Every structure is written in C-alpha cells, then in structure tokens.
N, C-alpha and C. Protein backbone atom coordinates (compact mmCIF):
# COMPACT_ATOMS: atom_id res chain seq x y z
N MET A 1 62.67 113.26 111.87
CA MET A 1 61.73 112.54 111.57
C MET A 1 60.61 112.20 112.93
N LYS A 2 59.56 112.82 113.06
CA LYS A 2 58.60 112.51 113.94
C LYS A 2 57.74 111.37 114.36
N ARG A 3 57.68 111.07 115.30
CA ARG A 3 57.07 109.59 115.70
C ARG A 3 55.68 109.86 115.97
N VAL A 4 54.78 109.17 115.73
CA VAL A 4 53.43 109.40 116.46
C VAL A 4 52.55 108.20 116.30
N ASN A 5 51.95 107.66 117.38
CA ASN A 5 51.15 106.82 117.65
C ASN A 5 49.78 106.89 116.87
N ILE A 6 49.02 105.68 116.68
CA ILE A 6 47.86 106.05 116.14
C ILE A 6 46.84 106.81 116.46
N ALA A 7 46.75 106.68 118.00
CA ALA A 7 45.61 107.32 118.63
C ALA A 7 45.81 108.75 118.38
N ASP A 8 47.00 109.30 118.59
CA ASP A 8 47.42 110.68 118.56
C ASP A 8 47.40 111.22 116.95
N LEU A 9 47.71 110.39 116.07
CA LEU A 9 47.49 110.55 114.51
C LEU A 9 45.94 110.87 114.73
N LYS A 10 45.09 110.07 115.32
CA LYS A 10 43.71 110.30 114.96
C LYS A 10 42.97 111.40 115.28
N ASN A 11 43.50 111.87 116.73
CA ASN A 11 43.01 112.89 117.33
C ASN A 11 43.70 114.24 117.15
N ASN A 12 44.88 114.12 116.32
CA ASN A 12 45.37 115.18 115.84
C ASN A 12 45.61 115.59 114.46
N LEU A 13 45.07 114.82 113.70
CA LEU A 13 45.50 114.73 112.06
C LEU A 13 45.70 116.18 111.42
N SER A 14 44.89 116.96 111.78
CA SER A 14 45.18 118.22 111.17
C SER A 14 46.49 118.86 111.62
N ARG A 15 46.81 118.96 112.63
CA ARG A 15 48.21 119.37 113.23
C ARG A 15 49.31 118.58 112.47
N HIS A 16 49.29 116.94 112.58
CA HIS A 16 50.00 116.25 112.10
C HIS A 16 50.25 116.59 110.46
N LEU A 17 49.34 116.71 109.93
CA LEU A 17 49.27 116.96 108.50
C LEU A 17 50.02 118.35 108.13
N ALA A 18 49.73 119.25 109.07
CA ALA A 18 50.32 120.63 108.83
C ALA A 18 51.80 120.62 108.94
N HIS A 19 52.36 119.51 109.84
CA HIS A 19 53.82 119.25 110.07
C HIS A 19 54.26 118.80 108.61
N VAL A 20 53.44 117.78 108.05
CA VAL A 20 53.81 117.14 106.86
C VAL A 20 54.25 118.18 105.71
N ARG A 21 52.93 119.13 105.57
CA ARG A 21 53.22 120.09 104.74
C ARG A 21 54.18 120.83 104.52
N MET A 22 54.55 121.36 105.83
CA MET A 22 55.75 122.03 105.95
C MET A 22 57.09 121.49 105.59
N GLY A 23 57.05 120.18 105.41
CA GLY A 23 58.16 119.49 104.65
C GLY A 23 58.61 118.24 105.79
N GLY A 24 57.88 118.10 106.69
CA GLY A 24 58.65 117.05 107.81
C GLY A 24 57.76 115.74 107.68
N ASP A 25 58.36 114.73 107.94
CA ASP A 25 57.94 113.38 107.80
C ASP A 25 57.18 112.55 109.40
N LEU A 26 56.62 112.03 108.90
CA LEU A 26 55.73 111.26 110.36
C LEU A 26 55.83 109.67 109.84
N VAL A 27 56.27 109.25 110.90
CA VAL A 27 56.36 107.55 111.39
C VAL A 27 55.31 107.04 112.07
N VAL A 28 54.20 106.68 111.91
CA VAL A 28 53.14 105.94 112.42
C VAL A 28 53.43 104.72 113.33
N LEU A 29 53.00 104.74 114.57
CA LEU A 29 53.48 103.76 115.07
C LEU A 29 52.14 102.85 115.74
N ASP A 30 52.04 101.52 115.61
CA ASP A 30 50.88 100.75 116.19
C ASP A 30 51.94 100.02 117.37
N ARG A 31 51.51 100.21 118.71
CA ARG A 31 52.14 99.90 120.07
C ARG A 31 53.62 99.75 119.79
N MET A 32 54.20 101.04 119.42
CA MET A 32 55.69 101.20 119.51
C MET A 32 56.08 100.38 118.21
N THR A 33 55.70 99.94 117.58
CA THR A 33 56.01 99.18 116.14
C THR A 33 55.75 100.26 114.68
N PRO A 34 56.62 100.68 114.19
CA PRO A 34 56.30 101.41 112.86
C PRO A 34 55.58 100.71 112.28
N VAL A 35 54.33 101.28 111.30
CA VAL A 35 53.85 100.46 110.37
C VAL A 35 53.59 101.58 109.17
N ALA A 36 53.89 102.83 109.07
CA ALA A 36 53.79 103.60 107.98
C ALA A 36 54.54 104.77 108.12
N ARG A 37 54.73 105.38 106.93
CA ARG A 37 55.56 106.65 107.07
C ARG A 37 54.59 107.67 106.08
N ILE A 38 54.49 108.93 106.80
CA ILE A 38 53.94 109.89 106.06
C ILE A 38 54.92 110.79 105.52
N VAL A 39 54.79 111.15 104.07
CA VAL A 39 56.05 112.09 103.68
C VAL A 39 55.12 113.20 103.10
N PRO A 40 55.72 114.24 102.72
CA PRO A 40 55.12 115.26 101.92
C PRO A 40 54.93 114.82 100.43
N PHE A 41 53.87 115.01 99.99
CA PHE A 41 53.75 114.62 98.26
C PHE A 41 54.60 115.67 97.39
N ASP A 42 55.11 114.81 96.37
CA ASP A 42 56.10 115.32 95.30
C ASP A 42 55.26 115.38 94.26
N ARG A 43 54.95 116.71 93.68
CA ARG A 43 54.18 117.02 92.66
C ARG A 43 54.91 116.63 91.57
N ALA A 44 56.10 116.89 91.33
CA ALA A 44 57.00 116.83 90.20
C ALA A 44 57.28 115.24 89.96
N ALA A 45 56.84 114.46 90.95
CA ALA A 45 57.03 112.72 90.45
C ALA A 45 55.73 112.56 89.80
N PRO A 46 55.99 111.64 88.68
CA PRO A 46 55.07 111.16 87.84
C PRO A 46 54.10 110.29 88.51
N VAL A 47 52.56 110.44 88.21
CA VAL A 47 51.38 109.66 89.07
C VAL A 47 51.21 108.53 88.02
N ARG A 48 51.31 107.12 88.10
CA ARG A 48 50.70 106.31 87.44
C ARG A 48 49.28 106.20 87.23
N ALA A 49 48.85 106.22 86.15
CA ALA A 49 47.39 105.92 85.75
C ALA A 49 47.15 104.72 85.57
N THR A 50 45.93 104.38 86.13
CA THR A 50 45.57 102.92 86.05
C THR A 50 44.03 102.99 85.96
N LYS A 51 43.41 101.95 85.23
CA LYS A 51 42.36 101.95 85.22
C LYS A 51 41.64 101.79 86.45
N SER A 52 41.84 100.59 87.25
CA SER A 52 41.26 100.66 88.59
C SER A 52 42.46 101.13 89.53
N GLY A 53 42.26 102.05 90.64
CA GLY A 53 43.03 102.45 91.96
C GLY A 53 43.31 101.42 92.62
N GLY A 54 43.93 101.62 93.98
CA GLY A 54 43.97 100.57 94.84
C GLY A 54 44.81 99.42 94.86
N ALA A 55 44.51 98.45 95.43
CA ALA A 55 45.28 97.20 95.32
C ALA A 55 45.18 96.49 94.09
N ASP A 56 44.13 96.61 93.20
CA ASP A 56 44.06 95.93 91.84
C ASP A 56 44.93 96.59 91.05
N ALA A 57 45.23 97.72 90.89
CA ALA A 57 46.39 98.28 90.29
C ALA A 57 47.76 97.88 90.38
N TYR A 58 48.05 97.14 91.55
CA TYR A 58 49.25 96.47 91.91
C TYR A 58 49.22 95.06 90.94
N TRP A 59 48.07 94.24 91.10
CA TRP A 59 48.16 93.24 90.42
C TRP A 59 47.86 93.11 88.93
N THR A 60 48.64 93.34 88.24
CA THR A 60 48.63 93.78 86.97
C THR A 60 49.17 92.28 86.22
N GLU A 61 48.38 92.39 84.83
CA GLU A 61 48.86 90.98 84.12
C GLU A 61 50.27 90.89 84.27
N GLU A 62 51.10 92.22 83.71
CA GLU A 62 52.48 92.12 83.65
C GLU A 62 53.03 91.71 85.06
N ARG A 63 52.78 92.34 86.19
CA ARG A 63 53.48 91.71 87.45
C ARG A 63 53.15 90.29 87.68
N MET A 64 51.97 89.48 87.32
CA MET A 64 51.74 88.46 87.45
C MET A 64 52.71 87.36 86.63
N ALA A 65 52.61 88.01 85.38
CA ALA A 65 53.64 87.30 84.41
C ALA A 65 54.73 87.12 84.97
N GLU A 66 55.53 88.33 85.57
CA GLU A 66 56.82 88.37 85.67
C GLU A 66 56.86 87.37 86.93
N LEU A 67 55.92 87.60 88.11
CA LEU A 67 56.32 86.74 89.32
C LEU A 67 56.03 85.56 89.11
N GLU A 68 55.16 84.63 88.03
CA GLU A 68 55.24 83.51 87.34
C GLU A 68 56.63 82.75 86.76
N GLN A 69 57.06 84.04 85.85
CA GLN A 69 58.58 83.63 85.33
C GLN A 69 59.63 83.61 86.43
N ARG A 70 59.52 84.09 87.56
CA ARG A 70 60.41 84.06 88.43
C ARG A 70 60.13 82.66 89.60
N GLY A 71 59.06 82.24 89.36
CA GLY A 71 58.78 81.13 89.95
C GLY A 71 58.23 81.36 91.41
N VAL A 72 57.89 82.36 91.71
CA VAL A 72 57.39 82.80 92.80
C VAL A 72 55.64 82.54 92.82
N ILE A 73 55.16 82.68 91.71
CA ILE A 73 53.66 82.00 92.33
C ILE A 73 53.45 81.17 90.93
N THR A 74 52.49 80.12 91.02
CA THR A 74 51.98 79.27 89.99
C THR A 74 50.48 79.57 89.84
N ARG A 75 49.97 80.26 88.49
CA ARG A 75 48.64 80.11 88.20
C ARG A 75 47.78 78.96 88.14
N PRO A 76 46.96 78.91 88.65
CA PRO A 76 46.14 77.70 88.50
C PRO A 76 45.25 77.67 87.12
N ASP A 77 44.95 76.00 86.57
CA ASP A 77 44.50 76.44 85.05
C ASP A 77 42.62 76.05 85.51
N SER A 78 42.02 76.91 84.83
CA SER A 78 40.54 77.05 84.97
C SER A 78 39.83 75.67 84.92
N ALA A 79 40.15 74.98 84.42
CA ALA A 79 39.40 73.29 84.52
C ALA A 79 39.98 72.71 86.02
N GLY A 80 41.07 73.05 86.46
CA GLY A 80 41.26 72.68 87.70
C GLY A 80 40.74 73.26 89.05
N VAL A 81 40.31 74.59 88.81
CA VAL A 81 39.91 75.42 89.68
C VAL A 81 38.41 75.04 89.63
N ALA A 82 37.83 74.83 88.54
CA ALA A 82 36.28 74.40 88.37
C ALA A 82 35.93 73.12 89.20
N THR A 83 37.02 71.92 88.84
CA THR A 83 36.70 71.03 89.39
C THR A 83 37.08 70.85 91.00
N TRP A 84 37.94 71.98 91.46
CA TRP A 84 38.06 71.61 92.88
C TRP A 84 36.89 72.18 93.39
N LEU A 85 36.23 73.43 92.84
CA LEU A 85 34.83 74.12 93.45
C LEU A 85 34.07 73.11 93.48
N LYS A 86 33.92 71.91 92.34
CA LYS A 86 32.50 71.36 92.78
C LYS A 86 32.77 70.23 93.72
N THR A 87 34.14 69.77 93.84
CA THR A 87 34.28 68.60 94.64
C THR A 87 34.55 69.14 95.89
N ALA A 88 35.14 69.94 96.55
CA ALA A 88 35.36 70.61 97.73
C ALA A 88 34.49 70.98 98.54
N ARG A 89 34.56 70.44 99.81
CA ARG A 89 33.33 70.76 100.76
C ARG A 89 34.15 71.31 101.78
N PRO A 90 33.13 71.92 102.75
CA PRO A 90 33.68 72.90 103.73
C PRO A 90 34.07 71.77 104.99
N VAL A 91 35.14 72.14 105.66
CA VAL A 91 35.74 71.26 106.84
C VAL A 91 34.53 71.29 107.95
N LYS A 92 34.14 70.51 108.77
CA LYS A 92 33.15 70.28 109.60
C LYS A 92 33.97 70.35 110.80
N LEU A 93 34.19 71.19 111.82
CA LEU A 93 35.09 71.08 113.12
C LEU A 93 34.13 70.52 114.12
N PRO A 94 34.72 69.98 115.12
CA PRO A 94 33.93 69.35 116.01
C PRO A 94 33.36 70.38 116.92
N LYS A 95 32.11 70.14 117.82
CA LYS A 95 31.33 71.15 118.51
C LYS A 95 32.43 71.64 119.76
N GLY A 96 32.49 72.85 119.99
CA GLY A 96 33.54 73.60 121.03
C GLY A 96 34.69 73.83 120.53
N THR A 97 34.73 73.66 119.21
CA THR A 97 36.06 74.21 118.51
C THR A 97 35.97 75.75 118.64
N PRO A 98 36.81 76.57 118.91
CA PRO A 98 36.66 77.99 118.87
C PRO A 98 37.10 78.41 117.55
N SER A 99 36.15 79.62 117.18
CA SER A 99 36.33 80.47 115.98
C SER A 99 37.49 80.91 115.55
N ALA A 100 37.67 81.21 114.44
CA ALA A 100 38.92 81.93 114.29
C ALA A 100 38.92 83.37 114.66
N VAL A 101 37.94 84.08 114.86
CA VAL A 101 38.36 85.39 115.79
C VAL A 101 38.53 84.95 117.28
N GLU A 102 37.88 84.02 117.85
CA GLU A 102 38.06 83.43 119.44
C GLU A 102 39.50 83.49 119.22
N LEU A 103 40.24 82.57 118.18
CA LEU A 103 41.59 82.21 118.48
C LEU A 103 42.56 83.33 118.28
N LEU A 104 42.21 84.32 117.40
CA LEU A 104 42.97 85.43 117.14
C LEU A 104 42.93 86.36 118.41
N LEU A 105 41.77 86.49 119.00
CA LEU A 105 42.10 87.29 120.42
C LEU A 105 42.91 86.59 121.36
N GLN A 106 42.57 85.27 121.29
CA GLN A 106 43.36 84.64 122.25
C GLN A 106 44.92 84.79 121.90
N ALA A 107 45.39 84.85 120.64
CA ALA A 107 46.64 84.76 120.45
C ALA A 107 46.92 86.41 120.88
N ARG A 108 46.14 87.46 120.61
CA ARG A 108 46.66 88.71 120.87
C ARG A 108 46.76 88.85 122.64
N ARG A 109 45.78 88.26 123.22
CA ARG A 109 46.10 88.27 124.82
C ARG A 109 47.42 87.80 125.32
N GLU A 110 47.68 86.63 124.69
CA GLU A 110 48.90 85.94 125.07
C GLU A 110 50.01 86.69 124.48
N SER A 111 50.14 87.27 123.65
CA SER A 111 51.32 87.93 122.89
C SER A 111 51.85 88.92 123.85
N GLY A 112 51.18 89.71 124.66
CA GLY A 112 51.67 90.50 125.49
C GLY A 112 51.70 91.95 124.72
N ARG A 113 51.53 92.05 123.78
CA ARG A 113 51.66 93.45 122.54
C ARG A 113 50.39 94.39 123.10
C-alpha cells in the first residue's frame, strides 16, 4: 500500500490515479496522519441509488430511526424547537474575546502538528 501526503497527491494526481487504476491502493496522509484510502473502483459491487447524493444520503429516515431506537440520538419535538428558536438569544461576548477562528489558529500553533 502506497502512502502519499496531500500536497504530493494534489501535485501528481494523474500519476497516483494511474497507480490505483493498475490495482494499487493509496493511503492519503495529512501531516503523517492517515486520513483517507483510495482504492480501485469495484464495478461488480452494487451502487446504492439515492434521491439525494452526498451526506444527505447517509442520514435516511431508517438510519435516524435505528439510532433513536438504540438510544444514540433523541429527536426534538417540533413545538420545543419552535419555542427555543423564539426565546433563545445570541450570547454576547465581552470586548476583546478572541473569535472562534482565532482560537482555532492558536490551538493549531500550540499543538505542534
């Protein structure tokens, strides 16, 4: 299994996809941490057809019902959500408080990654 960092993958995408077409696997690394695996497409495997593609296809009603039954999630009732939306007010932060983006950048600098 071949390992490739994101920058190399972006710069040499055609070469890496040729490797996958010939049956090889790629592990994509982000700062030496594996984040994805690219494998050859299996034409024999069935492809699930969904009304909407992407992440929405993952959160089907059946999946939500299964997660609720297992106790992983609790779905809100519509009246409770409507009441909360009418009464909830944004939090006012004191002047000089760093933004979420500034805190994220600071955390990244401190992590050493």
